[in-house]
Amino acid sequence: MGLTFDVTSVSADGRYITVLHDVQPDNDRDFARGAYCYDATTGETVELTTSIAAGRFEDATLSPDGQRVALVGDDGTFGRHTVANVYVVDRTSNQMQNLTADLAADPAPEMAADFIQQQGSKLVRWLDSERVVFTAVYHAHSQLYVGNATDGIERVDNTARQIVDFDVVDAHTVVLAVSYQDQPSVLVTHDLTQQTERVLYNPNAAYEETHTFAHPQRFDFESADGQALEGWYLPAQTTAPKQPVLLYVHGGPHGNYGETFFHEFQVHASRGFGVVFFNPRGSTSYGQDFESDVNGHYGEHDFSDVMTGLDVALQKFPQLDADRQYIAGGSYGGFMTTWAIGHTKRFAAAIAQRPVTNWISLFGTSDIGFYFNPEELGTDLFAEGGVASYWRQSPLAYAQQVTTPIRLLHGEWDMRCPISQSEEYFTAVKRHGVDADMIRYPQSFHGVSRNGLPNLRLQRLDDMTEWFTAHPTVKH
């Protein structure tokens, strides 16, 4: 097997090159990914991350003087979903310092959004030969940090938005591509000394002059066991005194909704639905314990968190119609949708997109890898009690309890959650007498809602609106 690697930076004089590659490329069970520095003059290669043997590094960048390397990665303690850190390592002595050991924010999160902005791969950059600049996500919004190995780090921006990408202009200025829940994209310059910003370009300025986006309302609440949580309500663009409420659950589960533009939510709001969305346990940007809580416990705290959030939203926003509650989600959100209707009858209708419904049959059939199920479910399928655990955490196990009308949406070319996951669930509830149907999208992979064929992306939204409007109230 040939060694594959990613080149991540080159020194100003062209002599040194940083690369990332697997530590044991021929070992399919070892997921360590190290950072290395290659000397083009001597041919010598030095491993920079020997002190973190099981680490998985996502970025490595040489300082302007070529003496240090800034790294972003994790130590692998909690599997593939270990919260990352920012490190600085001396190229010659190999001494490494963790700049973010005491930071609650995540320098390499997964923000759930459907507005593809083609961000680059750089997670950390150098302002000069001493200072680095990087972003991290804390409680669903981006933060901007500056720091060095001597003085530590300083937060220089905490605006409620996503910093999609960034680059260095000079030692005191960075350019940011930012996104807000009610504004898709803006390019700004940020003065790190004065902490001021200037808009350079808004690619949607002409559109925004004639169109109005729905404006979200963020709120805090607590779970049944006292866990602090947060959520958002995107009001329907309607003059009706009451609006149906759509609970939307993100994928992952190790991602997070946040302060960034979500096109689909705006569409649902424009069609008269009040959209509510939350970050249940399992989500990123809330620390390691929060993110790891779902592993081995699918359908427990995560289900309680979204249901509690929905109850709080109905109480907090009386314009939401408790008689017209709907639920939808994709991937893990599809899991939660099918799980929810197997455990409550409160929803008038549900739409599960590209869901996981049967962990047993997903084993070994997903392109995400053979390691995913054991990590997420806390046990191997072939371990003692493994089959029982997988079945207990599968929505299919509760299909005979479902009465909620459900539509399943799935791409025929989906290799992440094969279409058989929806076929199994559809068959189970249909033979049980549930009002159910299934739509198969041709030539569509797992990301059909993000980067699928444009006509099918539009069709999918119409398919959702059609199903919800056809089921105006809960039928008992």
Protein backbone atom coordinates (compact mmCIF):
# COMPACT_ATOMS: atom_id res chain seq x y z
CA MET A 1 0.00 0.00 0.00
CA GLY A 2 1.46 3.39 -0.98
CA LEU A 3 1.73 6.15 1.55
CA THR A 4 -0.63 9.06 0.95
CA PHE A 5 -0.13 12.41 2.64
CA ASP A 6 -1.40 15.97 2.69
CA VAL A 7 0.98 18.88 2.21
CA THR A 8 -0.15 21.64 4.61
CA SER A 9 2.53 24.36 4.41
CA VAL A 10 5.91 25.30 2.92
CA SER A 11 8.48 27.61 4.53
CA ALA A 12 9.21 30.98 2.92
CA ASP A 13 12.56 29.77 1.60
CA GLY A 14 11.06 26.53 0.27
CA ARG A 15 13.27 24.31 2.40
CA TYR A 16 10.76 22.92 4.91
CA ILE A 17 7.45 21.27 4.14
CA THR A 18 4.84 20.11 6.64
CA VAL A 19 2.71 17.09 5.83
CA LEU A 20 0.06 14.97 7.52
CA HIS A 21 -0.23 11.23 7.06
CA ASP A 22 -1.31 8.10 8.90
CA VAL A 23 1.17 6.86 11.46
CA GLN A 24 0.51 3.23 10.51
CA PRO A 25 -0.97 3.39 6.99
CA ASP A 26 -1.13 -0.39 6.63
CA ASN A 27 -3.00 -0.91 9.91
CA ASP A 28 -6.73 -0.45 9.31
CA ARG A 29 -7.38 -0.39 13.05
CA ASP A 30 -4.99 2.43 13.86
CA PHE A 31 -6.41 5.88 13.17
CA ALA A 32 -3.50 7.98 14.39
CA ARG A 33 -2.57 10.72 11.94
CA GLY A 34 0.67 12.52 12.64
CA ALA A 35 2.29 15.77 11.54
CA TYR A 36 5.76 15.68 9.94
CA CYS A 37 8.32 18.18 8.69
CA TYR A 38 10.36 17.35 5.61
CA ASP A 39 13.69 19.06 4.94
CA ALA A 40 14.04 19.41 1.17
CA THR A 41 17.79 20.14 1.49
CA THR A 42 18.85 17.13 3.58
CA GLY A 43 15.97 14.79 2.78
CA GLU A 44 15.35 14.29 6.49
CA THR A 45 11.79 13.87 7.81
CA VAL A 46 11.00 14.62 11.47
CA GLU A 47 7.79 13.54 13.19
CA LEU A 48 6.46 16.53 15.12
CA THR A 49 3.78 14.70 17.10
CA THR A 50 5.65 11.81 18.71
CA SER A 51 4.49 12.93 22.17
CA ILE A 52 0.85 12.33 21.15
CA ALA A 53 1.13 8.86 19.70
CA ALA A 54 -2.60 8.28 19.14
CA GLY A 55 -3.27 11.83 17.95
CA ARG A 56 -5.19 12.77 14.84
CA PHE A 57 -4.02 16.03 13.38
CA GLU A 58 -5.95 18.09 10.85
CA ASP A 59 -3.59 20.99 10.16
CA ALA A 60 0.09 21.90 10.46
CA THR A 61 1.48 25.31 9.52
CA LEU A 62 5.08 26.57 9.58
CA SER A 63 5.81 29.98 11.11
CA PRO A 64 7.21 32.66 8.79
CA ASP A 65 10.75 32.08 10.11
CA GLY A 66 10.36 28.31 9.75
CA GLN A 67 11.22 27.61 13.41
CA ARG A 68 7.81 26.57 14.75
CA VAL A 69 4.79 24.67 13.55
CA ALA A 70 1.22 25.37 14.64
CA LEU A 71 -0.94 22.25 14.84
CA VAL A 72 -4.63 21.48 15.25
CA GLY A 73 -5.61 17.98 16.32
CA ASP A 74 -6.69 15.75 19.17
CA ASP A 75 -5.07 13.05 21.28
CA GLY A 76 -7.59 10.34 20.38
CA THR A 77 -8.66 9.68 23.96
CA PHE A 78 -12.35 9.64 23.06
CA GLY A 79 -12.12 8.06 19.64
CA ARG A 80 -12.85 9.90 16.44
CA HIS A 81 -14.88 12.51 18.29
CA THR A 82 -12.24 13.75 20.70
CA VAL A 83 -12.31 17.54 21.06
CA ALA A 84 -9.29 19.09 19.32
CA ASN A 85 -6.63 21.50 20.59
CA VAL A 86 -4.19 24.00 19.10
CA TYR A 87 -0.50 23.24 19.66
CA VAL A 88 2.78 24.94 18.85
CA VAL A 89 5.82 22.72 18.40
CA ASP A 90 9.45 23.77 17.97
CA ARG A 91 10.71 22.25 14.73
CA THR A 92 14.23 21.52 16.02
CA SER A 93 13.68 20.53 19.66
CA ASN A 94 10.25 18.91 19.12
CA GLN A 95 9.00 20.59 22.30
CA MET A 96 5.24 20.95 22.11
CA GLN A 97 2.86 23.28 23.96
CA ASN A 98 -0.91 22.99 24.08
CA LEU A 99 -2.30 26.51 23.74
CA THR A 100 -5.92 25.52 24.36
CA ALA A 101 -5.69 23.01 27.21
CA ASP A 102 -7.94 25.19 29.36
CA LEU A 103 -10.22 26.33 26.53
CA ALA A 104 -13.81 25.07 26.47
CA ALA A 105 -14.23 25.95 22.78
CA ASP A 106 -13.54 23.51 19.93
CA PRO A 107 -10.97 24.53 17.26
CA ALA A 108 -12.25 21.86 14.84
CA PRO A 109 -16.03 21.59 15.23
CA GLU A 110 -18.70 20.46 12.80
CA MET A 111 -21.25 23.21 12.24
CA ALA A 112 -24.54 21.89 10.85
CA ALA A 113 -25.59 24.04 7.91
CA ASP A 114 -26.79 23.51 4.35
CA PHE A 115 -25.19 26.62 2.83
CA ILE A 116 -22.03 25.31 1.19
CA GLN A 117 -19.36 28.03 1.21
CA GLN A 118 -16.27 26.03 0.18
CA GLN A 119 -14.10 26.94 3.14
CA GLY A 120 -10.43 26.06 3.01
CA SER A 121 -8.58 23.53 5.15
CA LYS A 122 -6.48 25.93 7.26
CA LEU A 123 -7.52 25.92 10.91
CA VAL A 124 -4.63 27.99 12.27
CA ARG A 125 -2.41 30.68 10.72
CA TRP A 126 0.59 32.76 11.80
CA LEU A 127 0.32 36.53 12.23
CA ASP A 128 4.10 36.76 12.54
CA SER A 129 6.86 34.41 13.71
CA GLU A 130 5.57 34.48 17.30
CA ARG A 131 1.77 34.72 17.20
CA VAL A 132 -0.93 32.49 15.77
CA VAL A 133 -4.57 33.23 15.01
CA PHE A 134 -7.33 30.63 14.97
CA THR A 135 -11.07 30.21 15.35
CA ALA A 136 -12.97 27.93 17.70
CA VAL A 137 -16.67 27.27 18.24
CA TYR A 138 -18.15 27.69 21.70
CA HIS A 139 -21.82 27.06 22.39
CA ALA A 140 -22.69 27.12 18.70
CA HIS A 141 -20.89 30.31 17.61
CA SER A 142 -17.39 31.10 16.42
CA GLN A 143 -14.76 32.85 18.47
CA LEU A 144 -11.49 34.35 17.24
CA TYR A 145 -8.26 33.87 19.22
CA VAL A 146 -4.72 35.20 19.04
CA GLY A 147 -1.85 33.75 21.06
CA ASN A 148 1.67 32.44 21.38
CA ALA A 149 3.59 29.80 23.29
CA THR A 150 4.85 32.31 25.88
CA ASP A 151 1.81 34.36 26.85
CA GLY A 152 -1.03 31.98 26.01
CA ILE A 153 -4.13 32.97 24.05
CA GLU A 154 -6.56 35.88 24.03
CA ARG A 155 -10.10 35.91 22.66
CA VAL A 156 -10.48 38.87 20.30
CA ASP A 157 -13.98 38.27 18.93
CA ASN A 158 -17.08 36.63 20.36
CA THR A 159 -19.81 37.68 17.92
CA ALA A 160 -22.84 35.42 17.49
CA ARG A 161 -21.98 34.09 14.01
CA GLN A 162 -19.89 31.52 12.20
CA ILE A 163 -16.44 32.44 10.94
CA VAL A 164 -16.53 30.20 7.90
CA ASP A 165 -12.97 30.92 6.80
CA PHE A 166 -10.17 33.40 7.47
CA ASP A 167 -6.78 34.57 6.24
CA VAL A 168 -4.03 36.91 7.44
CA VAL A 169 -3.58 40.30 5.77
CA ASP A 170 -0.76 41.51 8.03
CA ALA A 171 0.34 41.17 11.67
CA HIS A 172 -2.65 43.17 12.88
CA THR A 173 -5.37 42.39 10.36
CA VAL A 174 -7.30 39.33 9.26
CA VAL A 175 -10.00 38.91 6.64
CA LEU A 176 -13.04 36.84 7.67
CA ALA A 177 -15.79 35.16 5.69
CA VAL A 178 -18.70 35.20 8.14
CA SER A 179 -22.25 33.90 8.16
CA TYR A 180 -25.24 34.75 10.37
CA GLN A 181 -28.54 32.96 10.82
CA ASP A 182 -30.25 35.78 8.93
CA GLN A 183 -27.46 36.69 6.49
CA PRO A 184 -25.78 34.08 4.29
CA SER A 185 -22.31 35.48 3.78
CA VAL A 186 -20.24 38.64 4.24
CA LEU A 187 -16.51 39.25 3.74
CA VAL A 188 -15.01 41.58 6.37
CA THR A 189 -11.62 42.79 7.55
CA HIS A 190 -11.02 42.57 11.29
CA ASP A 191 -8.50 44.85 13.02
CA LEU A 192 -7.03 42.76 15.85
CA THR A 193 -5.64 45.80 17.66
CA GLN A 194 -8.71 48.03 17.57
CA GLN A 195 -11.14 45.08 17.38
CA THR A 196 -13.11 46.81 14.66
CA GLU A 197 -14.47 45.50 11.38
CA ARG A 198 -15.15 46.80 7.91
CA VAL A 199 -17.37 45.08 5.34
CA LEU A 200 -15.51 44.34 2.11
CA TYR A 201 -18.16 42.52 0.14
CA ASN A 202 -21.67 41.14 0.51
CA PRO A 203 -22.37 38.80 -2.44
CA ASN A 204 -26.09 38.81 -1.68
CA ALA A 205 -26.58 42.56 -1.28
CA ALA A 206 -28.87 42.93 -4.30
CA TYR A 207 -31.05 40.00 -3.21
CA GLU A 208 -31.30 41.30 0.34
CA GLU A 209 -32.62 44.64 -0.89
CA THR A 210 -35.83 42.97 -2.06
CA HIS A 211 -36.11 39.97 0.27
CA THR A 212 -36.45 39.61 4.03
CA PHE A 213 -35.02 36.71 6.00
CA ALA A 214 -36.66 35.40 9.15
CA HIS A 215 -34.80 36.50 12.29
CA PRO A 216 -34.08 33.81 14.92
CA GLN A 217 -34.69 34.10 18.63
CA ARG A 218 -32.23 32.22 20.82
CA PHE A 219 -33.23 30.92 24.27
CA ASP A 220 -31.75 28.90 27.12
CA PHE A 221 -33.44 26.03 28.94
CA GLU A 222 -32.65 23.03 31.12
CA SER A 223 -33.15 19.34 30.54
CA ALA A 224 -35.07 17.16 32.93
CA ASP A 225 -31.82 16.29 34.74
CA GLY A 226 -30.66 19.92 34.95
CA GLN A 227 -28.30 20.02 31.95
CA ALA A 228 -28.04 23.54 30.51
CA LEU A 229 -29.14 23.63 26.87
CA GLU A 230 -29.84 26.20 24.20
CA GLY A 231 -32.18 26.46 21.26
CA TRP A 232 -33.55 28.75 18.58
CA TYR A 233 -36.95 29.68 17.22
CA LEU A 234 -37.20 30.92 13.64
CA PRO A 235 -40.61 32.61 13.32
CA ALA A 236 -42.86 31.84 10.39
CA GLN A 237 -43.25 34.66 7.93
CA THR A 238 -47.01 34.78 8.27
CA THR A 239 -49.72 37.06 9.66
CA ALA A 240 -51.73 34.11 10.99
CA PRO A 241 -52.21 34.22 14.77
CA LYS A 242 -51.07 30.60 15.07
CA GLN A 243 -48.31 28.82 13.16
CA PRO A 244 -47.47 25.12 12.92
CA VAL A 245 -44.22 24.22 14.65
CA LEU A 246 -41.49 22.17 12.97
CA LEU A 247 -38.90 20.56 15.24
CA TYR A 248 -35.76 19.97 13.18
CA VAL A 249 -32.93 17.73 14.45
CA HIS A 250 -29.36 18.03 13.13
CA GLY A 251 -27.21 15.22 11.79
CA GLY A 252 -24.02 13.82 13.21
CA PRO A 253 -24.85 13.45 16.01
CA HIS A 254 -21.46 15.09 16.63
CA GLY A 255 -22.23 18.41 14.96
CA ASN A 256 -24.12 21.45 16.13
CA TYR A 257 -26.70 23.91 14.96
CA GLY A 258 -25.54 27.43 15.51
CA GLU A 259 -25.23 31.02 14.51
CA THR A 260 -24.93 30.42 10.77
CA PHE A 261 -27.23 30.59 7.78
CA PHE A 262 -29.49 27.60 7.13
CA HIS A 263 -31.27 27.96 3.80
CA GLU A 264 -33.84 25.22 4.40
CA PHE A 265 -35.01 26.75 7.67
CA GLN A 266 -35.65 30.02 5.88
CA VAL A 267 -37.71 28.18 3.26
CA HIS A 268 -39.89 26.50 5.90
CA ALA A 269 -40.37 29.83 7.68
CA SER A 270 -41.37 31.48 4.40
CA ARG A 271 -43.98 28.74 3.93
CA GLY A 272 -45.61 29.41 7.27
CA PHE A 273 -43.81 27.05 9.68
CA GLY A 274 -42.21 28.16 12.91
CA VAL A 275 -38.94 26.23 13.05
CA VAL A 276 -37.39 25.23 16.39
CA PHE A 277 -34.00 23.57 16.69
CA PHE A 278 -31.70 22.59 19.54
CA ASN A 279 -28.31 21.10 20.33
CA PRO A 280 -29.00 17.95 22.33
CA ARG A 281 -26.31 15.99 24.08
CA GLY A 282 -23.95 14.50 21.55
CA SER A 283 -23.53 17.89 19.85
CA THR A 284 -20.16 19.57 19.46
CA SER A 285 -18.98 22.92 20.92
CA TYR A 286 -20.16 22.19 24.47
CA GLY A 287 -17.18 20.19 25.73
CA GLN A 288 -16.10 16.57 25.71
CA ASP A 289 -18.56 15.20 28.28
CA PHE A 290 -21.50 16.75 26.43
CA GLU A 291 -20.32 15.42 23.07
CA SER A 292 -19.63 11.91 24.37
CA ASP A 293 -22.91 11.58 26.29
CA VAL A 294 -24.78 9.98 23.38
CA ASN A 295 -22.24 7.21 22.78
CA GLY A 296 -23.80 3.96 23.91
CA HIS A 297 -26.94 5.87 24.90
CA TYR A 298 -28.72 6.78 21.67
CA GLY A 299 -32.32 7.78 22.28
CA GLU A 300 -31.81 8.63 25.93
CA HIS A 301 -30.65 12.12 26.97
CA ASP A 302 -30.58 13.27 23.34
CA PHE A 303 -34.27 12.41 22.88
CA SER A 304 -35.22 13.97 26.20
CA ASP A 305 -33.29 17.14 25.32
CA VAL A 306 -35.11 17.83 22.04
CA MET A 307 -38.51 16.99 23.50
CA THR A 308 -37.90 19.27 26.48
CA GLY A 309 -36.77 22.01 24.12
CA LEU A 310 -39.96 21.66 22.12
CA ASP A 311 -42.06 21.94 25.29
CA VAL A 312 -40.17 25.06 26.35
CA ALA A 313 -40.59 26.63 22.90
CA LEU A 314 -44.35 25.99 22.92
CA GLN A 315 -44.61 27.65 26.31
CA LYS A 316 -42.28 30.54 25.49
CA PHE A 317 -43.76 31.37 22.08
CA PRO A 318 -47.58 31.16 22.28
CA GLN A 319 -47.93 31.77 18.55
CA LEU A 320 -46.70 28.21 17.99
CA ASP A 321 -49.67 25.87 17.55
CA ALA A 322 -49.44 22.89 19.91
CA ASP A 323 -52.07 21.11 17.78
CA ARG A 324 -49.80 21.19 14.72
CA GLN A 325 -46.43 19.78 15.75
CA TYR A 326 -44.09 18.24 13.17
CA ILE A 327 -40.64 16.69 13.31
CA ALA A 328 -37.94 16.27 10.67
CA GLY A 329 -34.24 15.56 10.40
CA GLY A 330 -31.59 13.92 8.25
CA SER A 331 -28.98 11.25 8.98
CA TYR A 332 -28.76 11.27 12.81
CA GLY A 333 -31.69 13.69 12.61
CA GLY A 334 -33.49 10.96 10.66
CA PHE A 335 -32.61 8.51 13.41
CA MET A 336 -34.09 10.88 15.98
CA THR A 337 -37.22 11.43 13.89
CA THR A 338 -37.94 7.71 13.63
CA TRP A 339 -36.96 7.20 17.26
CA ALA A 340 -39.27 9.98 18.41
CA ILE A 341 -42.40 8.70 16.68
CA GLY A 342 -41.72 5.29 18.21
CA HIS A 343 -41.82 6.87 21.67
CA THR A 344 -44.44 9.63 21.42
CA LYS A 345 -47.67 10.27 19.52
CA ARG A 346 -47.59 14.07 19.80
CA PHE A 347 -46.61 14.83 16.18
CA ALA A 348 -49.13 15.37 13.41
CA ALA A 349 -46.59 14.09 10.87
CA ALA A 350 -42.89 13.31 10.51
CA ILE A 351 -40.30 13.31 7.73
CA ALA A 352 -37.16 11.18 8.16
CA GLN A 353 -34.40 11.81 5.65
CA ARG A 354 -31.54 9.36 4.98
CA PRO A 355 -31.97 7.90 8.49
CA VAL A 356 -30.27 5.17 10.47
CA THR A 357 -33.09 2.90 11.61
CA ASN A 358 -31.34 -0.43 12.21
CA TRP A 359 -27.84 -0.43 13.67
CA ILE A 360 -27.47 -4.17 13.11
CA SER A 361 -27.91 -3.98 9.34
CA LEU A 362 -25.86 -0.77 9.14
CA PHE A 363 -22.85 -2.66 10.52
CA GLY A 364 -20.27 -3.02 7.74
CA THR A 365 -22.47 -1.46 5.04
CA SER A 366 -21.74 2.26 5.51
CA ASP A 367 -18.86 4.15 3.92
CA ILE A 368 -18.26 5.86 7.26
CA GLY A 369 -16.22 2.82 8.30
CA PHE A 370 -16.42 -0.38 10.32
CA TYR A 371 -15.35 1.46 13.46
CA PHE A 372 -18.36 3.81 13.59
CA ASN A 373 -20.95 1.53 15.15
CA PRO A 374 -18.73 0.22 17.97
CA GLU A 375 -17.63 3.76 18.88
CA GLU A 376 -21.11 5.25 18.77
CA LEU A 377 -22.98 2.40 20.41
CA GLY A 378 -20.38 1.64 23.04
CA THR A 379 -19.91 -2.01 22.07
CA ASP A 380 -19.09 -4.25 19.13
CA LEU A 381 -21.91 -6.09 17.39
CA PHE A 382 -20.13 -9.40 18.08
CA ALA A 383 -19.36 -8.70 21.73
CA GLU A 384 -21.48 -10.32 24.43
CA GLY A 385 -24.78 -8.46 24.46
CA GLY A 386 -23.84 -6.54 21.30
CA VAL A 387 -26.84 -7.57 19.21
CA ALA A 388 -29.25 -6.73 22.03
CA SER A 389 -27.61 -3.34 22.55
CA TYR A 390 -27.71 -2.49 18.83
CA TRP A 391 -31.36 -3.50 18.61
CA ARG A 392 -32.31 -1.56 21.74
CA GLN A 393 -30.82 1.60 20.20
CA SER A 394 -32.50 1.06 16.80
CA PRO A 395 -35.71 2.91 15.88
CA LEU A 396 -36.82 -0.17 13.94
CA ALA A 397 -37.25 -2.00 17.24
CA TYR A 398 -40.12 0.36 18.11
CA ALA A 399 -41.78 0.50 14.68
CA GLN A 400 -44.82 -1.41 15.93
CA GLN A 401 -45.55 1.44 18.34
CA VAL A 402 -45.72 4.08 15.58
CA THR A 403 -49.00 5.78 14.66
CA THR A 404 -47.59 9.09 13.33
CA PRO A 405 -47.83 9.59 9.55
CA ILE A 406 -44.28 9.45 8.18
CA ARG A 407 -42.63 10.17 4.88
CA LEU A 408 -39.13 8.82 4.28
CA LEU A 409 -36.79 10.63 1.86
CA HIS A 410 -33.65 8.87 0.66
CA GLY A 411 -31.07 9.13 -2.12
CA GLU A 412 -30.64 5.93 -4.09
CA TRP A 413 -26.85 6.36 -4.18
CA ASP A 414 -26.49 7.01 -0.44
CA MET A 415 -23.47 5.10 0.85
CA ARG A 416 -23.36 6.67 4.32
CA CYS A 417 -26.81 5.45 5.35
CA PRO A 418 -27.77 2.98 2.60
CA ILE A 419 -31.32 3.30 1.28
CA SER A 420 -32.15 -0.08 2.81
CA GLN A 421 -32.29 1.72 6.17
CA SER A 422 -35.41 3.57 4.98
CA GLU A 423 -36.76 0.51 3.17
CA GLU A 424 -36.67 -1.56 6.34
CA TYR A 425 -38.45 1.09 8.37
CA PHE A 426 -41.02 1.86 5.66
CA THR A 427 -41.91 -1.82 5.36
CA ALA A 428 -42.24 -2.22 9.12
CA VAL A 429 -44.58 0.73 9.68
CA LYS A 430 -46.54 0.24 6.44
CA ARG A 431 -47.42 -3.35 7.22
CA HIS A 432 -48.45 -2.13 10.64
CA GLY A 433 -51.04 0.16 9.02
CA VAL A 434 -49.29 3.51 9.46
CA ASP A 435 -49.94 6.29 6.93
CA ALA A 436 -46.49 6.19 5.36
CA ASP A 437 -44.76 6.66 2.04
CA MET A 438 -41.21 6.75 0.76
CA ILE A 439 -39.60 8.91 -1.92
CA ARG A 440 -36.43 7.72 -3.63
CA TYR A 441 -34.23 10.39 -5.21
CA PRO A 442 -32.25 9.07 -8.20
CA GLN A 443 -28.56 9.88 -8.67
CA SER A 444 -28.45 11.21 -5.09
CA PHE A 445 -25.89 10.57 -2.38
CA HIS A 446 -26.14 11.22 1.37
CA GLY A 447 -25.70 14.97 0.90
CA VAL A 448 -28.63 15.47 -1.47
CA SER A 449 -29.93 18.43 0.57
CA ARG A 450 -26.53 20.17 0.52
CA ASN A 451 -24.93 19.41 -2.83
CA GLY A 452 -27.38 17.24 -4.72
CA LEU A 453 -28.87 17.91 -8.14
CA PRO A 454 -30.51 21.37 -8.02
CA ASN A 455 -33.89 20.15 -9.28
CA LEU A 456 -33.99 17.44 -6.62
CA ARG A 457 -32.98 19.86 -3.88
CA LEU A 458 -35.99 21.98 -4.79
CA GLN A 459 -38.22 18.92 -5.15
CA ARG A 460 -37.24 17.68 -1.69
CA LEU A 461 -38.42 20.93 -0.08
CA ASP A 462 -41.73 20.73 -1.95
CA ASP A 463 -42.10 17.10 -0.88
CA MET A 464 -41.73 18.15 2.75
CA THR A 465 -44.25 20.98 2.53
CA GLU A 466 -46.74 18.70 0.76
CA TRP A 467 -46.55 16.04 3.46
CA PHE A 468 -46.92 18.42 6.39
CA THR A 469 -49.83 20.35 4.87
CA ALA A 470 -51.60 17.08 4.06
CA HIS A 471 -51.55 16.21 7.79
CA PRO A 472 -52.87 19.30 9.60
CA THR A 473 -53.60 17.75 12.99
CA VAL A 474 -52.85 14.70 15.11
CA LYS A 475 -55.29 11.86 14.45
CA HIS A 476 -56.02 9.79 17.53
